[in-house]
Amino acid sequence: MLELLKYTVPALIVLAATWLVLGKLLKEERQKREYELRRQDRNITNPLRLRGFERLALLLERITPEHMLMNLDFSSMTIQDLQRHLLQTVRLETDHNLSQQIYVSDETWQAVLLAKEETLNFINAIALQMPEGSTTLLYAQTLITAYRQNGETPVQHAMQLLKDEAKGIL
């Protein structure tokens, strides 16, 4: 019996030590593989996310009154026609980029939606303020002037959030 214990106890100690060492090695190897998979995943998703940020930045730029009015020939339009065209442009630009919300945080997406809504409200508010008989040129000039004097606009705020979030990826 004593003879059996002489061989069994050291064997059990060696077995336990081997078990602990192998367990630790396997755990480290699994962590390395998981890290490598996450790194590879980031190499694939980060460029996609950055393109999403770019598209949202372009959306925000395109819904500013100055940009929307830049290449329009509104000489044959009424103020209501121009107002409808601007509202439609903002809505179409936003609708075209709805899928980009998956690339940004909820806070940033809400800021983009707020920028859209505030731009729509701004276009409508300026149209309502125009005196009877005003020209579309005066409406366009008033839109641009009032927008520039508005301080930090929701579009600028959303753009800053986009930039900050994109810097976190880079």
N, C-alpha and C. Protein backbone atom coordinates (compact mmCIF):
# COMPACT_ATOMS: atom_id res chain seq x y z
N MET A 1 0.81 -1.18 0.00
CA MET A 1 0.00 0.00 0.00
C MET A 1 0.86 1.25 0.00
N LEU A 2 1.89 1.26 0.85
CA LEU A 2 2.81 2.38 0.92
C LEU A 2 3.54 2.53 -0.42
N GLU A 3 3.85 1.39 -1.01
CA GLU A 3 4.52 1.38 -2.31
C GLU A 3 3.64 2.03 -3.37
N LEU A 4 2.36 1.77 -3.32
CA LEU A 4 1.40 2.34 -4.28
C LEU A 4 1.30 3.85 -4.11
N LEU A 5 1.30 4.32 -2.87
CA LEU A 5 1.24 5.76 -2.60
C LEU A 5 2.50 6.49 -3.09
N LYS A 6 3.65 5.83 -3.03
CA LYS A 6 4.89 6.44 -3.49
C LYS A 6 4.81 6.81 -4.97
N TYR A 7 4.11 6.00 -5.73
CA TYR A 7 4.01 6.25 -7.17
C TYR A 7 2.77 7.08 -7.52
N THR A 8 1.70 6.93 -6.82
CA THR A 8 0.45 7.59 -7.14
C THR A 8 0.47 9.08 -6.80
N VAL A 9 0.97 9.44 -5.62
CA VAL A 9 0.97 10.84 -5.19
C VAL A 9 1.81 11.70 -6.13
N PRO A 10 3.06 11.32 -6.45
CA PRO A 10 3.83 12.14 -7.40
C PRO A 10 3.16 12.19 -8.78
N ALA A 11 2.56 11.10 -9.20
CA ALA A 11 1.90 11.08 -10.50
C ALA A 11 0.71 12.04 -10.50
N LEU A 12 -0.03 12.07 -9.41
CA LEU A 12 -1.17 13.00 -9.30
C LEU A 12 -0.69 14.45 -9.28
N ILE A 13 0.41 14.70 -8.61
CA ILE A 13 0.97 16.06 -8.56
C ILE A 13 1.41 16.50 -9.96
N VAL A 14 2.08 15.61 -10.68
CA VAL A 14 2.52 15.91 -12.05
C VAL A 14 1.30 16.13 -12.94
N LEU A 15 0.28 15.29 -12.79
CA LEU A 15 -0.94 15.42 -13.57
C LEU A 15 -1.63 16.76 -13.30
N ALA A 16 -1.75 17.15 -12.04
CA ALA A 16 -2.38 18.42 -11.67
C ALA A 16 -1.57 19.60 -12.22
N ALA A 17 -0.25 19.54 -12.10
CA ALA A 17 0.59 20.62 -12.61
C ALA A 17 0.45 20.73 -14.14
N THR A 18 0.44 19.58 -14.81
CA THR A 18 0.28 19.56 -16.26
C THR A 18 -1.08 20.14 -16.64
N TRP A 19 -2.10 19.76 -15.91
CA TRP A 19 -3.45 20.24 -16.15
C TRP A 19 -3.50 21.77 -16.02
N LEU A 20 -2.90 22.33 -14.99
CA LEU A 20 -2.89 23.77 -14.77
C LEU A 20 -2.12 24.50 -15.87
N VAL A 21 -0.96 23.98 -16.23
CA VAL A 21 -0.13 24.62 -17.25
C VAL A 21 -0.83 24.58 -18.61
N LEU A 22 -1.36 23.41 -18.97
CA LEU A 22 -2.07 23.29 -20.25
C LEU A 22 -3.32 24.16 -20.28
N GLY A 23 -4.03 24.21 -19.18
CA GLY A 23 -5.22 25.05 -19.11
C GLY A 23 -4.88 26.52 -19.33
N LYS A 24 -3.80 26.95 -18.71
CA LYS A 24 -3.36 28.34 -18.87
C LYS A 24 -2.93 28.61 -20.31
N LEU A 25 -2.18 27.69 -20.90
CA LEU A 25 -1.73 27.85 -22.29
C LEU A 25 -2.91 27.90 -23.25
N LEU A 26 -3.88 27.00 -23.04
CA LEU A 26 -5.06 26.98 -23.91
C LEU A 26 -5.87 28.27 -23.78
N LYS A 27 -5.98 28.78 -22.56
CA LYS A 27 -6.72 30.03 -22.33
C LYS A 27 -6.02 31.19 -23.04
N GLU A 28 -4.70 31.27 -22.93
CA GLU A 28 -3.94 32.32 -23.59
C GLU A 28 -4.06 32.22 -25.11
N GLU A 29 -4.04 31.00 -25.62
CA GLU A 29 -4.17 30.80 -27.07
C GLU A 29 -5.55 31.22 -27.55
N ARG A 30 -6.58 30.91 -26.80
CA ARG A 30 -7.95 31.31 -27.14
C ARG A 30 -8.07 32.83 -27.13
N GLN A 31 -7.47 33.48 -26.14
CA GLN A 31 -7.50 34.95 -26.07
C GLN A 31 -6.78 35.57 -27.26
N LYS A 32 -5.65 34.96 -27.66
CA LYS A 32 -4.92 35.46 -28.83
C LYS A 32 -5.78 35.35 -30.09
N ARG A 33 -6.45 34.21 -30.26
CA ARG A 33 -7.31 34.02 -31.43
C ARG A 33 -8.47 35.01 -31.44
N GLU A 34 -9.09 35.22 -30.28
CA GLU A 34 -10.19 36.17 -30.19
C GLU A 34 -9.71 37.59 -30.50
N TYR A 35 -8.55 37.95 -29.99
CA TYR A 35 -7.99 39.27 -30.28
C TYR A 35 -7.72 39.43 -31.77
N GLU A 36 -7.15 38.40 -32.38
CA GLU A 36 -6.84 38.44 -33.81
C GLU A 36 -8.12 38.55 -34.64
N LEU A 37 -9.16 37.84 -34.24
CA LEU A 37 -10.44 37.92 -34.95
C LEU A 37 -11.04 39.32 -34.83
N ARG A 38 -10.98 39.90 -33.63
CA ARG A 38 -11.49 41.27 -33.44
C ARG A 38 -10.69 42.27 -34.29
N ARG A 39 -9.38 42.07 -34.36
CA ARG A 39 -8.53 42.97 -35.14
C ARG A 39 -8.88 42.86 -36.63
N GLN A 40 -9.04 41.64 -37.10
CA GLN A 40 -9.42 41.44 -38.50
C GLN A 40 -10.79 42.02 -38.79
N ASP A 41 -11.70 41.84 -37.83
CA ASP A 41 -13.05 42.38 -37.98
C ASP A 41 -12.99 43.90 -38.09
N ARG A 42 -12.17 44.54 -37.24
CA ARG A 42 -12.02 45.99 -37.29
C ARG A 42 -11.44 46.44 -38.62
N ASN A 43 -10.52 45.66 -39.18
CA ASN A 43 -9.93 46.01 -40.48
C ASN A 43 -10.97 45.99 -41.58
N ILE A 44 -12.02 45.21 -41.40
CA ILE A 44 -13.09 45.15 -42.39
C ILE A 44 -14.15 46.21 -42.10
N THR A 45 -14.56 46.34 -40.85
CA THR A 45 -15.67 47.24 -40.52
C THR A 45 -15.28 48.71 -40.45
N ASN A 46 -14.07 49.02 -40.04
CA ASN A 46 -13.69 50.43 -39.93
C ASN A 46 -13.79 51.19 -41.26
N PRO A 47 -13.31 50.63 -42.37
CA PRO A 47 -13.50 51.35 -43.63
C PRO A 47 -14.97 51.55 -43.99
N LEU A 48 -15.80 50.56 -43.68
CA LEU A 48 -17.24 50.71 -43.93
C LEU A 48 -17.83 51.81 -43.06
N ARG A 49 -17.45 51.81 -41.79
CA ARG A 49 -17.94 52.86 -40.89
C ARG A 49 -17.50 54.24 -41.35
N LEU A 50 -16.25 54.35 -41.77
CA LEU A 50 -15.75 55.65 -42.22
C LEU A 50 -16.50 56.13 -43.46
N ARG A 51 -16.83 55.22 -44.36
CA ARG A 51 -17.64 55.61 -45.52
C ARG A 51 -19.03 56.07 -45.08
N GLY A 52 -19.57 55.42 -44.05
CA GLY A 52 -20.85 55.87 -43.50
C GLY A 52 -20.75 57.28 -42.93
N PHE A 53 -19.66 57.55 -42.22
CA PHE A 53 -19.44 58.90 -41.68
C PHE A 53 -19.32 59.91 -42.82
N GLU A 54 -18.60 59.53 -43.87
CA GLU A 54 -18.44 60.43 -45.02
C GLU A 54 -19.79 60.75 -45.66
N ARG A 55 -20.61 59.74 -45.81
CA ARG A 55 -21.92 59.96 -46.44
C ARG A 55 -22.80 60.84 -45.57
N LEU A 56 -22.74 60.65 -44.26
CA LEU A 56 -23.54 61.51 -43.38
C LEU A 56 -23.01 62.94 -43.38
N ALA A 57 -21.69 63.10 -43.46
CA ALA A 57 -21.13 64.45 -43.54
C ALA A 57 -21.58 65.12 -44.84
N LEU A 58 -21.60 64.37 -45.92
CA LEU A 58 -22.07 64.89 -47.19
C LEU A 58 -23.55 65.25 -47.12
N LEU A 59 -24.34 64.42 -46.48
CA LEU A 59 -25.75 64.72 -46.27
C LEU A 59 -25.91 66.05 -45.54
N LEU A 60 -25.20 66.21 -44.44
CA LEU A 60 -25.31 67.44 -43.66
C LEU A 60 -24.90 68.66 -44.48
N GLU A 61 -23.88 68.51 -45.27
CA GLU A 61 -23.45 69.63 -46.11
C GLU A 61 -24.50 69.95 -47.16
N ARG A 62 -25.11 68.92 -47.72
CA ARG A 62 -26.08 69.11 -48.81
C ARG A 62 -27.40 69.71 -48.34
N ILE A 63 -27.71 69.62 -47.05
CA ILE A 63 -28.99 70.17 -46.59
C ILE A 63 -28.86 71.59 -46.04
N THR A 64 -27.69 72.19 -46.19
CA THR A 64 -27.57 73.60 -45.81
C THR A 64 -28.21 74.44 -46.91
N PRO A 65 -28.90 75.52 -46.53
CA PRO A 65 -29.56 76.35 -47.55
C PRO A 65 -28.60 76.85 -48.63
N GLU A 66 -27.42 77.26 -48.23
CA GLU A 66 -26.45 77.77 -49.21
C GLU A 66 -26.14 76.72 -50.27
N HIS A 67 -25.91 75.50 -49.85
CA HIS A 67 -25.59 74.45 -50.81
C HIS A 67 -26.79 74.13 -51.71
N MET A 68 -27.98 74.06 -51.12
CA MET A 68 -29.16 73.71 -51.91
C MET A 68 -29.49 74.79 -52.94
N LEU A 69 -29.19 76.04 -52.62
CA LEU A 69 -29.54 77.14 -53.51
C LEU A 69 -28.46 77.44 -54.55
N MET A 70 -27.29 76.85 -54.36
CA MET A 70 -26.12 77.21 -55.17
C MET A 70 -26.37 77.12 -56.68
N ASN A 71 -26.87 76.05 -57.17
CA ASN A 71 -26.99 75.84 -58.62
C ASN A 71 -28.43 75.86 -59.13
N LEU A 72 -29.31 76.45 -58.36
CA LEU A 72 -30.71 76.48 -58.77
C LEU A 72 -31.00 77.72 -59.60
N ASP A 73 -31.81 77.52 -60.62
CA ASP A 73 -32.35 78.66 -61.37
C ASP A 73 -33.77 78.86 -60.88
N PHE A 74 -33.92 79.74 -59.93
CA PHE A 74 -35.24 79.92 -59.34
C PHE A 74 -35.95 81.16 -59.86
N SER A 75 -35.50 81.68 -60.99
CA SER A 75 -36.13 82.88 -61.55
C SER A 75 -37.57 82.60 -62.01
N SER A 76 -37.85 81.38 -62.43
CA SER A 76 -39.20 81.05 -62.89
C SER A 76 -40.05 80.41 -61.78
N MET A 77 -39.52 80.37 -60.56
CA MET A 77 -40.23 79.73 -59.46
C MET A 77 -40.88 80.77 -58.56
N THR A 78 -41.92 80.35 -57.88
CA THR A 78 -42.48 81.19 -56.82
C THR A 78 -41.79 80.81 -55.51
N ILE A 79 -42.00 81.62 -54.50
CA ILE A 79 -41.41 81.30 -53.19
C ILE A 79 -41.91 79.95 -52.71
N GLN A 80 -43.19 79.67 -52.92
CA GLN A 80 -43.75 78.39 -52.50
C GLN A 80 -43.13 77.22 -53.27
N ASP A 81 -42.88 77.42 -54.57
CA ASP A 81 -42.23 76.38 -55.37
C ASP A 81 -40.82 76.12 -54.85
N LEU A 82 -40.09 77.20 -54.59
CA LEU A 82 -38.73 77.06 -54.08
C LEU A 82 -38.74 76.41 -52.70
N GLN A 83 -39.67 76.83 -51.87
CA GLN A 83 -39.79 76.24 -50.53
C GLN A 83 -40.05 74.75 -50.64
N ARG A 84 -41.00 74.35 -51.48
CA ARG A 84 -41.31 72.92 -51.68
C ARG A 84 -40.08 72.16 -52.19
N HIS A 85 -39.37 72.77 -53.13
CA HIS A 85 -38.17 72.12 -53.68
C HIS A 85 -37.11 71.92 -52.60
N LEU A 86 -36.90 72.92 -51.76
CA LEU A 86 -35.90 72.80 -50.69
C LEU A 86 -36.31 71.74 -49.67
N LEU A 87 -37.59 71.75 -49.30
CA LEU A 87 -38.09 70.74 -48.34
C LEU A 87 -37.94 69.34 -48.91
N GLN A 88 -38.27 69.19 -50.18
CA GLN A 88 -38.15 67.88 -50.83
C GLN A 88 -36.69 67.44 -50.89
N THR A 89 -35.80 68.37 -51.18
CA THR A 89 -34.38 68.05 -51.25
C THR A 89 -33.87 67.54 -49.91
N VAL A 90 -34.23 68.22 -48.84
CA VAL A 90 -33.80 67.80 -47.50
C VAL A 90 -34.32 66.41 -47.18
N ARG A 91 -35.59 66.19 -47.47
CA ARG A 91 -36.19 64.88 -47.17
C ARG A 91 -35.57 63.76 -48.01
N LEU A 92 -35.36 64.02 -49.29
CA LEU A 92 -34.78 63.00 -50.16
C LEU A 92 -33.34 62.67 -49.77
N GLU A 93 -32.57 63.70 -49.47
CA GLU A 93 -31.18 63.47 -49.04
C GLU A 93 -31.15 62.62 -47.77
N THR A 94 -32.02 62.94 -46.84
CA THR A 94 -32.05 62.19 -45.58
C THR A 94 -32.52 60.76 -45.81
N ASP A 95 -33.60 60.62 -46.58
CA ASP A 95 -34.12 59.27 -46.86
C ASP A 95 -33.08 58.41 -47.58
N HIS A 96 -32.32 59.03 -48.46
CA HIS A 96 -31.30 58.30 -49.21
C HIS A 96 -30.18 57.78 -48.29
N ASN A 97 -30.01 58.40 -47.14
CA ASN A 97 -28.91 58.04 -46.25
C ASN A 97 -29.36 57.42 -44.93
N LEU A 98 -30.59 56.95 -44.87
CA LEU A 98 -31.10 56.35 -43.64
C LEU A 98 -30.28 55.16 -43.18
N SER A 99 -29.77 54.39 -44.11
CA SER A 99 -29.03 53.18 -43.73
C SER A 99 -27.71 53.51 -43.03
N GLN A 100 -27.24 54.73 -43.14
CA GLN A 100 -25.96 55.09 -42.53
C GLN A 100 -26.03 55.15 -41.00
N GLN A 101 -27.24 55.14 -40.47
CA GLN A 101 -27.39 55.22 -39.01
C GLN A 101 -26.76 54.03 -38.29
N ILE A 102 -26.56 52.92 -38.99
CA ILE A 102 -25.97 51.75 -38.33
C ILE A 102 -24.49 51.95 -38.03
N TYR A 103 -23.87 52.96 -38.64
CA TYR A 103 -22.45 53.18 -38.46
C TYR A 103 -22.11 54.20 -37.37
N VAL A 104 -23.12 54.90 -36.87
CA VAL A 104 -22.87 55.96 -35.89
C VAL A 104 -23.61 55.66 -34.60
N SER A 105 -23.22 56.35 -33.56
CA SER A 105 -23.89 56.19 -32.27
C SER A 105 -25.31 56.75 -32.34
N ASP A 106 -26.15 56.35 -31.41
CA ASP A 106 -27.52 56.86 -31.35
C ASP A 106 -27.53 58.37 -31.16
N GLU A 107 -26.61 58.88 -30.36
CA GLU A 107 -26.53 60.32 -30.11
C GLU A 107 -26.24 61.08 -31.41
N THR A 108 -25.31 60.58 -32.18
CA THR A 108 -24.95 61.24 -33.44
C THR A 108 -26.10 61.14 -34.43
N TRP A 109 -26.74 59.99 -34.51
CA TRP A 109 -27.87 59.84 -35.44
C TRP A 109 -29.01 60.78 -35.05
N GLN A 110 -29.28 60.90 -33.76
CA GLN A 110 -30.32 61.82 -33.32
C GLN A 110 -29.96 63.26 -33.68
N ALA A 111 -28.69 63.60 -33.62
CA ALA A 111 -28.25 64.95 -34.01
C ALA A 111 -28.45 65.17 -35.51
N VAL A 112 -28.22 64.14 -36.32
CA VAL A 112 -28.46 64.25 -37.76
C VAL A 112 -29.95 64.46 -38.02
N LEU A 113 -30.80 63.69 -37.34
CA LEU A 113 -32.25 63.85 -37.52
C LEU A 113 -32.72 65.22 -37.05
N LEU A 114 -32.16 65.70 -35.95
CA LEU A 114 -32.50 67.03 -35.46
C LEU A 114 -32.08 68.09 -36.47
N ALA A 115 -30.91 67.92 -37.07
CA ALA A 115 -30.45 68.87 -38.09
C ALA A 115 -31.42 68.90 -39.26
N LYS A 116 -31.90 67.74 -39.66
CA LYS A 116 -32.88 67.67 -40.75
C LYS A 116 -34.15 68.42 -40.36
N GLU A 117 -34.69 68.11 -39.19
CA GLU A 117 -35.95 68.74 -38.75
C GLU A 117 -35.79 70.25 -38.58
N GLU A 118 -34.69 70.67 -38.00
CA GLU A 118 -34.47 72.10 -37.81
C GLU A 118 -34.29 72.82 -39.14
N THR A 119 -33.67 72.16 -40.10
CA THR A 119 -33.53 72.76 -41.44
C THR A 119 -34.88 72.91 -42.10
N LEU A 120 -35.73 71.90 -41.99
CA LEU A 120 -37.08 71.99 -42.54
C LEU A 120 -37.85 73.13 -41.87
N ASN A 121 -37.78 73.21 -40.55
CA ASN A 121 -38.46 74.28 -39.82
C ASN A 121 -37.93 75.65 -40.21
N PHE A 122 -36.62 75.75 -40.40
CA PHE A 122 -35.99 77.01 -40.77
C PHE A 122 -36.48 77.48 -42.14
N ILE A 123 -36.52 76.56 -43.10
CA ILE A 123 -36.99 76.89 -44.46
C ILE A 123 -38.43 77.38 -44.40
N ASN A 124 -39.26 76.70 -43.64
CA ASN A 124 -40.67 77.10 -43.51
C ASN A 124 -40.80 78.44 -42.79
N ALA A 125 -40.04 78.64 -41.73
CA ALA A 125 -40.15 79.88 -40.95
C ALA A 125 -39.76 81.09 -41.79
N ILE A 126 -38.70 80.98 -42.56
CA ILE A 126 -38.27 82.10 -43.40
C ILE A 126 -39.31 82.38 -44.49
N ALA A 127 -39.89 81.32 -45.06
CA ALA A 127 -40.92 81.51 -46.09
C ALA A 127 -42.12 82.25 -45.52
N LEU A 128 -42.48 81.93 -44.27
CA LEU A 128 -43.62 82.61 -43.64
C LEU A 128 -43.33 84.07 -43.33
N GLN A 129 -42.08 84.41 -43.13
CA GLN A 129 -41.70 85.78 -42.79
C GLN A 129 -41.59 86.69 -44.01
N MET A 130 -41.58 86.11 -45.19
CA MET A 130 -41.37 86.92 -46.39
C MET A 130 -42.60 87.80 -46.65
N PRO A 131 -42.36 89.09 -46.90
CA PRO A 131 -43.49 89.99 -47.20
C PRO A 131 -44.17 89.61 -48.51
N GLU A 132 -45.41 89.96 -48.63
CA GLU A 132 -46.20 89.69 -49.85
C GLU A 132 -45.50 90.33 -51.04
N GLY A 133 -45.40 89.61 -52.13
CA GLY A 133 -44.79 90.13 -53.34
C GLY A 133 -43.28 89.98 -53.40
N SER A 134 -42.68 89.32 -52.42
CA SER A 134 -41.22 89.13 -52.43
C SER A 134 -40.82 88.19 -53.56
N THR A 135 -39.61 88.37 -54.01
CA THR A 135 -39.10 87.53 -55.08
C THR A 135 -38.40 86.30 -54.48
N THR A 136 -38.21 85.31 -55.33
CA THR A 136 -37.50 84.11 -54.88
C THR A 136 -36.04 84.44 -54.59
N LEU A 137 -35.50 85.43 -55.31
CA LEU A 137 -34.12 85.84 -55.06
C LEU A 137 -33.99 86.42 -53.65
N LEU A 138 -34.96 87.24 -53.26
CA LEU A 138 -34.94 87.80 -51.91
C LEU A 138 -35.11 86.70 -50.87
N TYR A 139 -35.99 85.74 -51.15
CA TYR A 139 -36.17 84.60 -50.24
C TYR A 139 -34.86 83.82 -50.09
N ALA A 140 -34.19 83.56 -51.20
CA ALA A 140 -32.93 82.81 -51.17
C ALA A 140 -31.87 83.59 -50.39
N GLN A 141 -31.77 84.88 -50.65
CA GLN A 141 -30.80 85.71 -49.93
C GLN A 141 -31.11 85.74 -48.43
N THR A 142 -32.38 85.85 -48.09
CA THR A 142 -32.79 85.87 -46.68
C THR A 142 -32.46 84.55 -46.01
N LEU A 143 -32.71 83.45 -46.70
CA LEU A 143 -32.37 82.13 -46.16
C LEU A 143 -30.88 82.03 -45.84
N ILE A 144 -30.06 82.41 -46.79
CA ILE A 144 -28.61 82.29 -46.61
C ILE A 144 -28.12 83.21 -45.50
N THR A 145 -28.58 84.46 -45.52
CA THR A 145 -28.16 85.43 -44.51
C THR A 145 -28.58 85.00 -43.11
N ALA A 146 -29.83 84.61 -42.97
CA ALA A 146 -30.34 84.20 -41.66
C ALA A 146 -29.64 82.94 -41.17
N TYR A 147 -29.36 82.04 -42.08
CA TYR A 147 -28.68 80.79 -41.69
C TYR A 147 -27.27 81.07 -41.19
N ARG A 148 -26.57 81.97 -41.86
CA ARG A 148 -25.21 82.31 -41.44
C ARG A 148 -25.19 83.03 -40.10
N GLN A 149 -26.22 83.78 -39.81
CA GLN A 149 -26.28 84.56 -38.57
C GLN A 149 -26.86 83.76 -37.41
N ASN A 150 -27.19 82.53 -37.65
CA ASN A 150 -27.88 81.70 -36.68
C ASN A 150 -26.98 81.16 -35.57
N GLY A 151 -25.70 81.45 -35.58
CA GLY A 151 -24.79 80.86 -34.59
C GLY A 151 -24.51 79.42 -34.98
N GLU A 152 -24.24 78.59 -33.96
CA GLU A 152 -24.01 77.17 -34.27
C GLU A 152 -25.34 76.52 -34.61
N THR A 153 -25.42 76.04 -35.82
CA THR A 153 -26.66 75.42 -36.29
C THR A 153 -26.68 73.94 -35.90
N PRO A 154 -27.85 73.32 -35.92
CA PRO A 154 -27.91 71.87 -35.67
C PRO A 154 -27.08 71.07 -36.68
N VAL A 155 -26.95 71.58 -37.89
CA VAL A 155 -26.12 70.89 -38.89
C VAL A 155 -24.67 70.93 -38.44
N GLN A 156 -24.20 72.07 -37.97
CA GLN A 156 -22.82 72.18 -37.50
C GLN A 156 -22.59 71.31 -36.26
N HIS A 157 -23.58 71.26 -35.38
CA HIS A 157 -23.46 70.43 -34.18
C HIS A 157 -23.36 68.95 -34.57
N ALA A 158 -24.23 68.51 -35.47
CA ALA A 158 -24.20 67.11 -35.92
C ALA A 158 -22.88 66.80 -36.63
N MET A 159 -22.39 67.75 -37.40
CA MET A 159 -21.12 67.56 -38.10
C MET A 159 -19.97 67.41 -37.10
N GLN A 160 -20.00 68.19 -36.04
CA GLN A 160 -18.95 68.08 -35.02
C GLN A 160 -19.01 66.73 -34.31
N LEU A 161 -20.21 66.25 -34.01
CA LEU A 161 -20.35 64.92 -33.40
C LEU A 161 -19.81 63.83 -34.35
N LEU A 162 -20.11 63.97 -35.63
CA LEU A 162 -19.59 63.01 -36.63
C LEU A 162 -18.06 63.02 -36.62
N LYS A 163 -17.49 64.19 -36.64
CA LYS A 163 -16.02 64.30 -36.66
C LYS A 163 -15.41 63.69 -35.41
N ASP A 164 -16.00 64.00 -34.26
CA ASP A 164 -15.47 63.46 -33.00
C ASP A 164 -15.55 61.93 -32.98
N GLU A 165 -16.67 61.41 -33.44
CA GLU A 165 -16.85 59.96 -33.45
C GLU A 165 -15.90 59.29 -34.45
N ALA A 166 -15.69 59.92 -35.58
CA ALA A 166 -14.77 59.38 -36.59
C ALA A 166 -13.33 59.37 -36.06
N LYS A 167 -12.97 60.40 -35.31
CA LYS A 167 -11.63 60.44 -34.72
C LYS A 167 -11.42 59.26 -33.77
N GLY A 168 -12.48 58.82 -33.12
CA GLY A 168 -12.39 57.67 -32.23
C GLY A 168 -12.08 56.38 -32.97
N ILE A 169 -12.45 56.31 -34.22
CA ILE A 169 -12.16 55.12 -35.02
C ILE A 169 -10.73 55.14 -35.50
N LEU A 170 -10.27 56.32 -35.86
CA LEU A 170 -8.91 56.46 -36.40
C LEU A 170 -7.95 56.41 -35.27
